[in-house]
Amino acid sequence: MLKIAIVGLPNVGKSTLFNRLVGRKAAVVSNIPGITRDRREGIGRISDLEFEVIDTGGWNDQTNFSLQIIEQIEFSLLSADVIFLLVDAKVQNEQNKELAKWLKGKVNKPVILIANKCESHKSEDVDYLQFFGFIGPVYISAEHNLGMVDLYDALAGVIEDFNEGTELLDSKPSKLRVAIIGRPNVGKSTFLNSLLAENRLITSSEPGTTRDSVDITYNYNGELITLIDTAGIRRKANVIDNLESRFVEKSMESIKRSHVVVLMLDSLVGIEQQDLSIGEVAIKGGKGIIIILNKWDLINKDDRSKLIKFVKQRQVTRFFLEVPTITISALKSMRCSDVIDKCLEVNKFLNNKISTAKLNKWLMYALDKHPHPLVSGRAIKMKYIAQIGTKPPAFSLICNMPESVDESYKCYLTNDLRNNFFTDGVPIRLFLKKNKNPYVK
């Protein structure tokens, strides 16, 4: 599939155009320059044209991350087939000439010059960039969906030329989406960089380096997996402004879009209330969950078993669920691939379907092993169980007095069901229903 990189100065509307092309608000958009730092990828469409599109950070961004952002842009240029050079048509910025000259020196690929923010007559023309020999200019307003027909025409010609010399292969969609979630500065981006064996994401000791959720397609032994890097989630009381609040919202949305959530902890800090709250959201959403203790190499060997015991005790108390816990060092690439193996295992069990015969055989054994106590002298009769869903596995259990079943007994059944047919980290839904009398109208 054709790949397009969107490049431009800060605050020219790259993320707005990216959102327009992919058809959803995948990137946080703000008037504050420098919001986008890492490159972000998605499937874009204009009418019948379909392509991969890459959003990038602002070129020559005047921040501590400027050099790393340029490095991410260079990666995007290497993998892209076409470049969208986006400029703000409301401002004649001489830095656009510097960027254009830099692009000419970096790539020998089609560059389409796009003038954005052309929703009013105040827009300037971009004649001062004409002598660079780019395709266009194409005048658009990404925010107001104007000029997309002209962009279609410019891109269609490039795609036609590209198709003549290249056999395009359909990209196989990934079957597993994994969200990497946690508090700021626990090492989420460093972990992903270690997995990918490249500086795919900008990292820093400064908390809040990752600001928006970034989807990355990862080929692991022939299995395509979407890894979602997210902004660190702090307690609401510590969120400093509306912009950070939007980053946190995107992180929470990433949980909804994922199948498995990797909750990353800093081994030096352990597990805190905020971590438990994040994990609880994932489990309530029916997501598989894994806990990573990062920076394990910095923990004294005598303290390691105590820390794991403490983390497991906290998680079981809060989640009512055993969660796989893996110790890693993202910086030293220690046991990072074990996390992906466990994600694949958990995802397999999320899709597990159990035959009704096996379930009812298990139910008889579970009831014999540990019967429910009498309720006001009456026995709870559990008659039949059947699976009614996957992702997460869900079951319907027919009994005579569902409202009287003790919550702890329901937990016993759920945990025993998990132990017999599933694995740790898989949430299970068990619904108790009353059997209907066919003779009562």
Protein backbone atom coordinates (compact mmCIF):
# COMPACT_ATOMS: atom_id res chain seq x y z
CA MET A 1 0.00 0.00 0.00
CA LEU A 2 1.25 3.49 -0.85
CA LYS A 3 2.66 5.33 2.14
CA ILE A 4 2.43 9.12 2.59
CA ALA A 5 4.31 11.24 5.15
CA ILE A 6 2.90 14.63 6.19
CA VAL A 7 5.74 17.07 6.89
CA GLY A 8 5.69 20.74 7.88
CA LEU A 9 6.58 23.40 10.43
CA PRO A 10 4.89 23.34 13.86
CA ASN A 11 1.19 24.29 13.98
CA VAL A 12 0.46 24.20 10.23
CA GLY A 13 -2.33 21.60 10.66
CA LYS A 14 -0.54 18.28 10.05
CA SER A 15 -2.52 16.41 12.72
CA THR A 16 -5.78 18.01 11.53
CA LEU A 17 -5.09 16.74 7.99
CA PHE A 18 -4.09 13.33 9.40
CA ASN A 19 -7.40 13.11 11.28
CA ARG A 20 -9.28 14.17 8.15
CA LEU A 21 -7.61 11.47 6.06
CA VAL A 22 -8.05 8.61 8.55
CA GLY A 23 -11.63 9.68 9.27
CA ARG A 24 -11.42 9.98 13.06
CA LYS A 25 -9.80 12.11 15.75
CA ALA A 26 -6.76 9.87 16.04
CA ALA A 27 -4.41 12.75 16.94
CA VAL A 28 -4.81 15.48 19.54
CA VAL A 29 -5.11 18.86 17.80
CA SER A 30 -4.27 22.17 19.46
CA ASN A 31 -3.22 25.73 18.58
CA ILE A 32 -0.18 25.20 20.83
CA PRO A 33 2.84 24.30 18.66
CA GLY A 34 4.76 21.09 19.34
CA ILE A 35 1.88 18.84 20.44
CA THR A 36 2.89 16.03 18.07
CA ARG A 37 6.32 14.56 18.78
CA ASP A 38 6.29 10.91 17.76
CA ARG A 39 5.27 9.83 14.30
CA ARG A 40 1.79 8.31 14.04
CA GLU A 41 0.46 6.00 11.31
CA GLY A 42 -3.01 5.17 10.04
CA ILE A 43 -5.00 4.12 6.98
CA GLY A 44 -6.13 7.19 5.04
CA ARG A 45 -8.74 7.59 2.32
CA ILE A 46 -9.81 10.23 -0.16
CA SER A 47 -12.83 8.88 -2.05
CA ASP A 48 -11.64 5.60 -3.64
CA LEU A 49 -7.94 6.21 -2.94
CA GLU A 50 -6.59 4.26 0.04
CA PHE A 51 -3.10 4.64 1.49
CA GLU A 52 -1.03 4.57 4.67
CA VAL A 53 -0.46 8.02 6.13
CA ILE A 54 2.16 9.18 8.66
CA ASP A 55 1.73 12.23 10.90
CA THR A 56 5.00 13.78 12.09
CA GLY A 57 6.16 16.40 14.58
CA GLY A 58 6.87 19.98 13.58
CA TRP A 59 10.15 20.46 11.70
CA ASN A 60 12.54 22.82 13.52
CA ASP A 61 10.41 22.64 16.66
CA GLN A 62 12.02 24.91 19.25
CA THR A 63 11.92 22.44 22.16
CA ASN A 64 14.25 20.07 23.99
CA PHE A 65 13.03 17.31 21.65
CA SER A 66 13.86 19.11 18.36
CA LEU A 67 16.67 16.75 17.29
CA GLN A 68 14.65 13.65 18.16
CA ILE A 69 11.63 14.99 16.24
CA ILE A 70 13.85 15.58 13.17
CA GLU A 71 15.09 11.99 13.52
CA GLN A 72 11.48 10.73 13.56
CA ILE A 73 10.70 12.79 10.45
CA GLU A 74 13.73 11.29 8.68
CA PHE A 75 12.47 7.78 9.52
CA SER A 76 9.10 8.74 8.01
CA LEU A 77 10.72 10.05 4.83
CA LEU A 78 12.66 6.81 4.39
CA SER A 79 9.55 4.63 4.61
CA ALA A 80 7.21 6.94 2.65
CA ASP A 81 6.56 6.83 -1.10
CA VAL A 82 5.02 10.32 -1.29
CA ILE A 83 5.54 13.43 0.84
CA PHE A 84 2.87 15.98 1.69
CA LEU A 85 4.64 19.27 2.44
CA LEU A 86 2.05 21.20 4.43
CA VAL A 87 2.34 24.97 4.90
CA ASP A 88 0.14 27.53 6.62
CA ALA A 89 -1.35 29.68 3.84
CA LYS A 90 -2.15 32.46 6.30
CA VAL A 91 1.52 33.09 7.05
CA GLN A 92 4.41 33.55 4.61
CA ASN A 93 7.10 31.94 6.73
CA GLU A 94 10.68 31.98 5.41
CA GLN A 95 11.34 28.79 7.40
CA ASN A 96 9.24 26.97 4.81
CA LYS A 97 12.06 27.67 2.31
CA GLU A 98 14.57 26.11 4.71
CA LEU A 99 12.32 23.06 5.12
CA ALA A 100 11.79 22.77 1.34
CA LYS A 101 15.55 22.94 0.75
CA TRP A 102 16.13 20.33 3.48
CA LEU A 103 13.52 18.04 1.88
CA LYS A 104 15.11 18.33 -1.57
CA GLY A 105 18.40 17.21 -0.06
CA LYS A 106 16.85 14.29 1.83
CA VAL A 107 14.51 12.60 -0.65
CA ASN A 108 14.11 11.91 -4.32
CA LYS A 109 10.40 11.17 -4.06
CA PRO A 110 7.23 12.97 -5.19
CA VAL A 111 6.46 15.95 -2.93
CA ILE A 112 2.99 17.51 -3.08
CA LEU A 113 2.94 21.09 -1.79
CA ILE A 114 -0.26 21.69 0.19
CA ALA A 115 -1.33 25.12 1.42
CA ASN A 116 -3.60 24.63 4.45
CA LYS A 117 -6.01 26.97 6.31
CA CYS A 118 -7.49 28.36 3.07
CA GLU A 119 -11.02 28.74 4.43
CA SER A 120 -10.98 32.53 4.04
CA HIS A 121 -9.81 35.18 1.56
CA LYS A 122 -7.06 36.19 3.99
CA SER A 123 -5.01 33.22 2.82
CA GLU A 124 -1.73 33.94 1.04
CA ASP A 125 -0.53 32.19 -2.11
CA VAL A 126 2.63 30.09 -1.84
CA ASP A 127 4.40 31.31 -4.95
CA TYR A 128 7.58 31.80 -2.93
CA LEU A 129 7.93 27.97 -2.87
CA GLN A 130 7.21 27.37 -6.55
CA PHE A 131 10.82 27.24 -7.71
CA PHE A 132 11.46 24.03 -5.69
CA GLY A 133 9.55 22.09 -8.36
CA PHE A 134 7.04 20.36 -6.10
CA ILE A 135 3.68 19.01 -7.35
CA GLY A 136 0.92 21.57 -6.78
CA PRO A 137 0.35 23.77 -4.89
CA VAL A 138 -2.95 22.37 -3.69
CA TYR A 139 -5.05 24.78 -1.58
CA ILE A 140 -7.12 23.15 1.18
CA SER A 141 -8.68 23.62 4.60
CA ALA A 142 -8.20 20.37 6.50
CA GLU A 143 -10.37 21.61 9.38
CA HIS A 144 -13.31 22.54 7.12
CA ASN A 145 -12.86 19.71 4.58
CA LEU A 146 -12.26 22.10 1.66
CA GLY A 147 -10.08 21.41 -1.38
CA MET A 148 -9.97 17.64 -0.90
CA VAL A 149 -11.07 17.14 -4.53
CA ASP A 150 -7.97 19.02 -5.68
CA LEU A 151 -5.81 16.94 -3.35
CA TYR A 152 -7.44 13.82 -4.78
CA ASP A 153 -6.51 14.87 -8.33
CA ALA A 154 -2.90 15.59 -7.37
CA LEU A 155 -2.52 12.32 -5.48
CA ALA A 156 -4.31 10.18 -8.08
CA GLY A 157 -1.70 11.12 -10.68
CA VAL A 158 1.14 10.19 -8.34
CA ILE A 159 -0.51 6.86 -7.41
CA GLU A 160 -1.01 6.02 -11.09
CA ASP A 161 2.70 6.54 -11.75
CA PHE A 162 3.58 4.59 -8.62
CA ASN A 163 1.38 1.63 -9.55
CA GLU A 164 3.01 1.31 -12.96
CA GLY A 165 6.37 0.53 -11.37
CA THR A 166 5.26 -1.21 -8.21
CA GLU A 167 3.08 -4.18 -7.40
CA LEU A 168 1.04 -3.16 -4.38
CA LEU A 169 0.37 -5.88 -1.81
CA ASP A 170 -2.66 -5.80 0.45
CA SER A 171 -1.54 -5.27 4.02
CA LYS A 172 -2.77 -7.97 6.40
CA PRO A 173 -4.69 -6.39 9.30
CA SER A 174 -3.40 -7.09 12.79
CA LYS A 175 -5.53 -9.40 14.93
CA LEU A 176 -4.23 -8.17 18.28
CA ARG A 177 -4.13 -4.64 19.69
CA VAL A 178 -2.03 -4.10 22.80
CA ALA A 179 -2.18 -0.82 24.78
CA ILE A 180 0.86 0.05 26.92
CA ILE A 181 -0.58 1.97 29.88
CA GLY A 182 0.87 3.44 33.05
CA ARG A 183 1.88 6.51 35.01
CA PRO A 184 4.32 9.03 33.47
CA ASN A 185 7.98 8.07 33.16
CA VAL A 186 7.64 4.33 33.87
CA GLY A 187 9.36 3.45 30.56
CA LYS A 188 6.52 2.71 28.12
CA SER A 189 8.22 4.26 25.07
CA THR A 190 11.62 2.79 26.00
CA PHE A 191 9.97 -0.66 26.16
CA LEU A 192 8.50 -0.24 22.67
CA ASN A 193 11.81 1.01 21.27
CA SER A 194 13.51 -2.09 22.70
CA LEU A 195 10.93 -4.36 21.08
CA LEU A 196 11.22 -2.64 17.70
CA ALA A 197 15.03 -2.38 17.95
CA GLU A 198 14.93 1.24 16.81
CA ASN A 199 14.34 4.71 18.24
CA ARG A 200 10.75 4.64 17.05
CA LEU A 201 9.48 6.81 19.91
CA ILE A 202 11.00 9.83 21.59
CA THR A 203 12.17 9.06 25.11
CA SER A 204 13.42 11.26 27.93
CA SER A 205 13.78 11.25 31.71
CA GLU A 206 11.36 14.20 31.65
CA PRO A 207 7.85 13.01 32.63
CA GLY A 208 5.16 13.55 29.98
CA THR A 209 7.45 13.09 26.95
CA THR A 210 4.80 10.98 25.18
CA ARG A 211 1.84 13.28 24.74
CA ASP A 212 -0.54 11.47 22.41
CA SER A 213 -1.40 7.81 21.73
CA VAL A 214 0.61 6.30 18.87
CA ASP A 215 -0.33 3.08 17.02
CA ILE A 216 2.60 1.01 15.75
CA THR A 217 2.31 -2.14 13.62
CA TYR A 218 4.79 -4.75 14.86
CA ASN A 219 5.62 -8.01 13.05
CA TYR A 220 6.37 -10.59 15.72
CA ASN A 221 7.33 -13.95 14.19
CA GLY A 222 4.93 -13.36 11.30
CA GLU A 223 2.10 -12.17 13.58
CA LEU A 224 1.05 -8.56 13.02
CA ILE A 225 0.35 -6.79 16.30
CA THR A 226 -0.74 -3.19 16.84
CA LEU A 227 1.15 -1.73 19.79
CA ILE A 228 -0.35 1.46 21.25
CA ASP A 229 2.00 3.78 23.11
CA THR A 230 0.11 6.16 25.40
CA ALA A 231 0.65 9.28 27.44
CA GLY A 232 1.28 8.72 31.15
CA ILE A 233 -1.88 8.82 33.27
CA ARG A 234 -1.65 10.81 36.51
CA ARG A 235 -4.26 11.27 39.20
CA LYS A 236 -6.92 13.81 38.24
CA ALA A 237 -5.78 16.10 41.06
CA ASN A 238 -2.31 16.29 39.49
CA VAL A 239 -3.43 17.02 35.90
CA ILE A 240 -2.18 20.54 35.25
CA ASP A 241 -4.26 21.77 32.30
CA ASN A 242 -6.91 20.98 29.72
CA LEU A 243 -4.31 19.80 27.21
CA GLU A 244 -2.94 17.13 29.56
CA SER A 245 -6.53 16.14 30.29
CA ARG A 246 -7.02 15.48 26.56
CA PHE A 247 -3.86 13.34 26.45
CA VAL A 248 -5.20 11.28 29.35
CA GLU A 249 -8.54 10.88 27.54
CA LYS A 250 -6.68 9.53 24.49
CA SER A 251 -4.87 7.03 26.74
CA MET A 252 -8.18 5.85 28.18
CA GLU A 253 -9.60 5.56 24.65
CA SER A 254 -6.61 3.35 23.81
CA ILE A 255 -7.75 0.91 26.48
CA LYS A 256 -11.16 0.69 24.78
CA ARG A 257 -9.54 0.05 21.37
CA SER A 258 -7.22 -2.69 22.65
CA HIS A 259 -7.69 -6.40 23.28
CA VAL A 260 -4.93 -6.71 25.89
CA VAL A 261 -3.67 -3.98 28.24
CA VAL A 262 -0.09 -4.01 29.48
CA LEU A 263 0.00 -2.09 32.77
CA MET A 264 3.58 -0.93 33.26
CA LEU A 265 4.92 -0.17 36.73
CA ASP A 266 8.18 1.35 37.90
CA SER A 267 9.84 -1.27 40.11
CA LEU A 268 11.44 1.49 42.17
CA VAL A 269 7.98 2.81 43.07
CA GLY A 270 5.93 -0.41 43.13
CA ILE A 271 2.18 -0.45 42.62
CA GLU A 272 0.13 2.59 43.65
CA GLN A 273 -3.54 3.48 43.86
CA GLN A 274 -3.44 5.09 40.41
CA ASP A 275 -2.09 1.87 38.85
CA LEU A 276 -4.90 -0.13 40.44
CA SER A 277 -7.48 2.35 39.13
CA ILE A 278 -6.10 2.04 35.57
CA GLY A 279 -6.11 -1.76 35.80
CA GLU A 280 -9.66 -1.74 37.09
CA VAL A 281 -10.80 0.27 34.05
CA ALA A 282 -9.20 -2.31 31.75
CA ILE A 283 -10.79 -5.28 33.53
CA LYS A 284 -14.24 -3.64 33.65
CA GLY A 285 -13.84 -3.04 29.91
CA GLY A 286 -13.33 -6.77 29.40
CA LYS A 287 -9.68 -6.45 28.36
CA GLY A 288 -6.98 -8.99 29.01
CA ILE A 289 -4.39 -7.57 31.39
CA ILE A 290 -0.68 -8.09 32.10
CA ILE A 291 1.47 -6.28 34.64
CA ILE A 292 5.08 -5.36 33.83
CA LEU A 293 7.57 -4.40 36.53
CA ASN A 294 10.08 -2.30 34.58
CA LYS A 295 13.56 -1.20 35.77
CA TRP A 296 13.96 -4.59 37.46
CA ASP A 297 17.75 -4.38 37.08
CA LEU A 298 17.74 -1.50 39.59
CA ILE A 299 16.09 -3.55 42.37
CA ASN A 300 18.24 -5.19 45.05
CA LYS A 301 18.06 -8.99 44.71
CA ASP A 302 17.03 -9.37 48.35
CA ASP A 303 13.98 -7.12 47.79
CA ARG A 304 12.69 -8.71 44.58
CA SER A 305 10.55 -11.51 46.02
CA LYS A 306 8.99 -9.09 48.55
CA LEU A 307 8.07 -6.65 45.77
CA ILE A 308 6.43 -9.32 43.59
CA LYS A 309 4.49 -10.65 46.59
CA PHE A 310 3.30 -7.13 47.45
CA VAL A 311 2.21 -6.39 43.85
CA LYS A 312 0.32 -9.69 43.57
CA GLN A 313 -1.39 -9.14 46.92
CA ARG A 314 -2.58 -5.64 45.89
CA GLN A 315 -3.82 -6.78 42.48
CA VAL A 316 -5.81 -9.75 43.78
CA THR A 317 -7.37 -7.62 46.55
CA ARG A 318 -8.48 -4.94 44.06
CA PHE A 319 -9.08 -6.89 40.83
CA PHE A 320 -10.34 -10.24 42.24
CA LEU A 321 -8.17 -11.62 39.48
CA GLU A 322 -4.68 -13.13 39.23
CA VAL A 323 -2.71 -11.04 36.72
CA PRO A 324 0.45 -12.31 34.99
CA THR A 325 3.40 -10.27 36.28
CA ILE A 326 6.59 -10.03 34.22
CA THR A 327 9.81 -8.37 35.35
CA ILE A 328 11.79 -6.56 32.65
CA SER A 329 14.41 -3.92 31.97
CA ALA A 330 13.28 -1.99 28.90
CA LEU A 331 16.54 -0.03 28.81
CA LYS A 332 18.60 -3.25 28.69
CA SER A 333 16.08 -5.12 26.46
CA MET A 334 15.67 -7.77 29.17
CA ARG A 335 12.67 -10.12 28.75
CA CYS A 336 10.77 -7.62 26.57
CA SER A 337 9.69 -10.31 24.08
CA ASP A 338 8.25 -12.36 26.98
CA VAL A 339 5.61 -9.64 27.32
CA ILE A 340 4.46 -10.14 23.72
CA ASP A 341 4.36 -13.93 24.15
CA LYS A 342 2.13 -13.47 27.19
CA CYS A 343 -0.11 -10.98 25.32
CA LEU A 344 -0.62 -13.52 22.54
CA GLU A 345 -1.45 -16.22 25.10
CA VAL A 346 -3.96 -14.02 26.94
CA ASN A 347 -5.57 -12.97 23.65
CA LYS A 348 -5.96 -16.61 22.60
CA PHE A 349 -7.86 -17.36 25.81
CA LEU A 350 -9.99 -14.22 25.39
CA ASN A 351 -11.32 -15.90 22.23
CA ASN A 352 -11.65 -19.36 23.79
CA LYS A 353 -15.00 -21.13 23.28
CA ILE A 354 -15.92 -23.96 25.65
CA SER A 355 -18.47 -26.61 24.68
CA THR A 356 -21.68 -26.71 26.70
CA ALA A 357 -21.04 -30.35 27.61
CA LYS A 358 -17.63 -29.53 29.14
CA LEU A 359 -19.06 -26.54 30.99
CA ASN A 360 -21.86 -28.50 32.63
CA LYS A 361 -19.50 -31.31 33.57
CA TRP A 362 -17.31 -28.69 35.25
CA LEU A 363 -20.36 -27.13 36.98
CA MET A 364 -21.36 -30.43 38.58
CA TYR A 365 -17.81 -30.93 39.88
CA ALA A 366 -17.55 -27.33 41.19
CA LEU A 367 -20.90 -27.61 43.03
CA ASP A 368 -19.96 -30.97 44.58
CA LYS A 369 -16.57 -29.64 45.68
CA HIS A 370 -17.99 -26.52 47.31
CA PRO A 371 -21.82 -26.30 47.54
CA HIS A 372 -23.58 -23.00 48.17
CA PRO A 373 -24.89 -22.67 51.75
CA LEU A 374 -28.65 -22.78 52.35
CA VAL A 375 -30.53 -19.49 52.09
CA SER A 376 -33.36 -19.25 54.69
CA GLY A 377 -33.48 -23.04 54.72
CA ARG A 378 -33.72 -23.31 50.92
CA ALA A 379 -31.09 -24.78 48.62
CA ILE A 380 -29.63 -22.83 45.71
CA LYS A 381 -30.07 -25.05 42.63
CA MET A 382 -27.73 -24.30 39.74
CA LYS A 383 -29.00 -26.22 36.75
CA TYR A 384 -27.25 -25.27 33.52
CA ILE A 385 -24.41 -23.15 32.14
CA ALA A 386 -23.60 -22.04 28.58
CA GLN A 387 -21.10 -19.67 27.00
CA ILE A 388 -22.71 -16.60 25.45
CA GLY A 389 -19.72 -14.55 24.29
CA THR A 390 -15.98 -14.00 23.90
CA LYS A 391 -13.64 -10.99 24.34
CA PRO A 392 -14.17 -11.35 27.26
CA PRO A 393 -15.56 -14.86 27.77
CA ALA A 394 -19.13 -14.58 29.06
CA PHE A 395 -21.39 -17.26 30.54
CA SER A 396 -25.04 -17.62 31.48
CA LEU A 397 -25.79 -19.74 34.54
CA ILE A 398 -29.40 -20.78 35.20
CA CYS A 399 -30.43 -21.16 38.85
CA ASN A 400 -33.56 -20.99 40.98
CA MET A 401 -32.63 -17.95 43.14
CA PRO A 402 -29.97 -15.86 41.34
CA GLU A 403 -30.60 -12.83 43.55
CA SER A 404 -29.68 -14.88 46.66
CA VAL A 405 -26.34 -16.19 45.41
CA ASP A 406 -23.56 -14.91 47.66
CA GLU A 407 -21.04 -12.63 45.90
CA SER A 408 -18.11 -14.60 47.30
CA TYR A 409 -19.60 -17.80 45.87
CA LYS A 410 -19.94 -16.14 42.47
CA CYS A 411 -16.23 -15.22 42.73
CA TYR A 412 -15.45 -18.86 43.56
CA LEU A 413 -17.25 -20.07 40.45
CA THR A 414 -15.64 -17.42 38.25
CA ASN A 415 -12.13 -18.20 39.50
CA ASP A 416 -12.63 -21.96 39.22
CA LEU A 417 -13.96 -21.50 35.69
CA ARG A 418 -10.86 -19.47 34.83
CA ASN A 419 -8.53 -22.03 36.40
CA ASN A 420 -10.08 -24.87 34.42
CA PHE A 421 -10.47 -23.30 30.98
CA PHE A 422 -8.57 -20.01 30.74
CA THR A 423 -5.42 -18.34 32.11
CA ASP A 424 -4.45 -15.52 34.48
CA GLY A 425 -5.22 -12.04 33.20
CA VAL A 426 -8.47 -13.02 31.44
CA PRO A 427 -11.60 -11.34 32.88
CA ILE A 428 -14.69 -13.53 32.88
CA ARG A 429 -18.33 -12.46 32.92
CA LEU A 430 -20.73 -14.77 34.76
CA PHE A 431 -24.42 -13.86 34.57
CA LEU A 432 -26.88 -15.62 36.89
CA LYS A 433 -30.36 -16.00 35.46
CA LYS A 434 -33.56 -17.47 36.82
CA ASN A 435 -35.06 -20.45 35.04
CA LYS A 436 -38.42 -19.74 33.49
CA ASN A 437 -41.50 -21.82 34.17
CA PRO A 438 -43.00 -22.55 30.71
CA TYR A 439 -46.48 -22.86 32.25
CA VAL A 440 -46.48 -19.36 33.76
CA LYS A 441 -47.57 -16.59 31.43
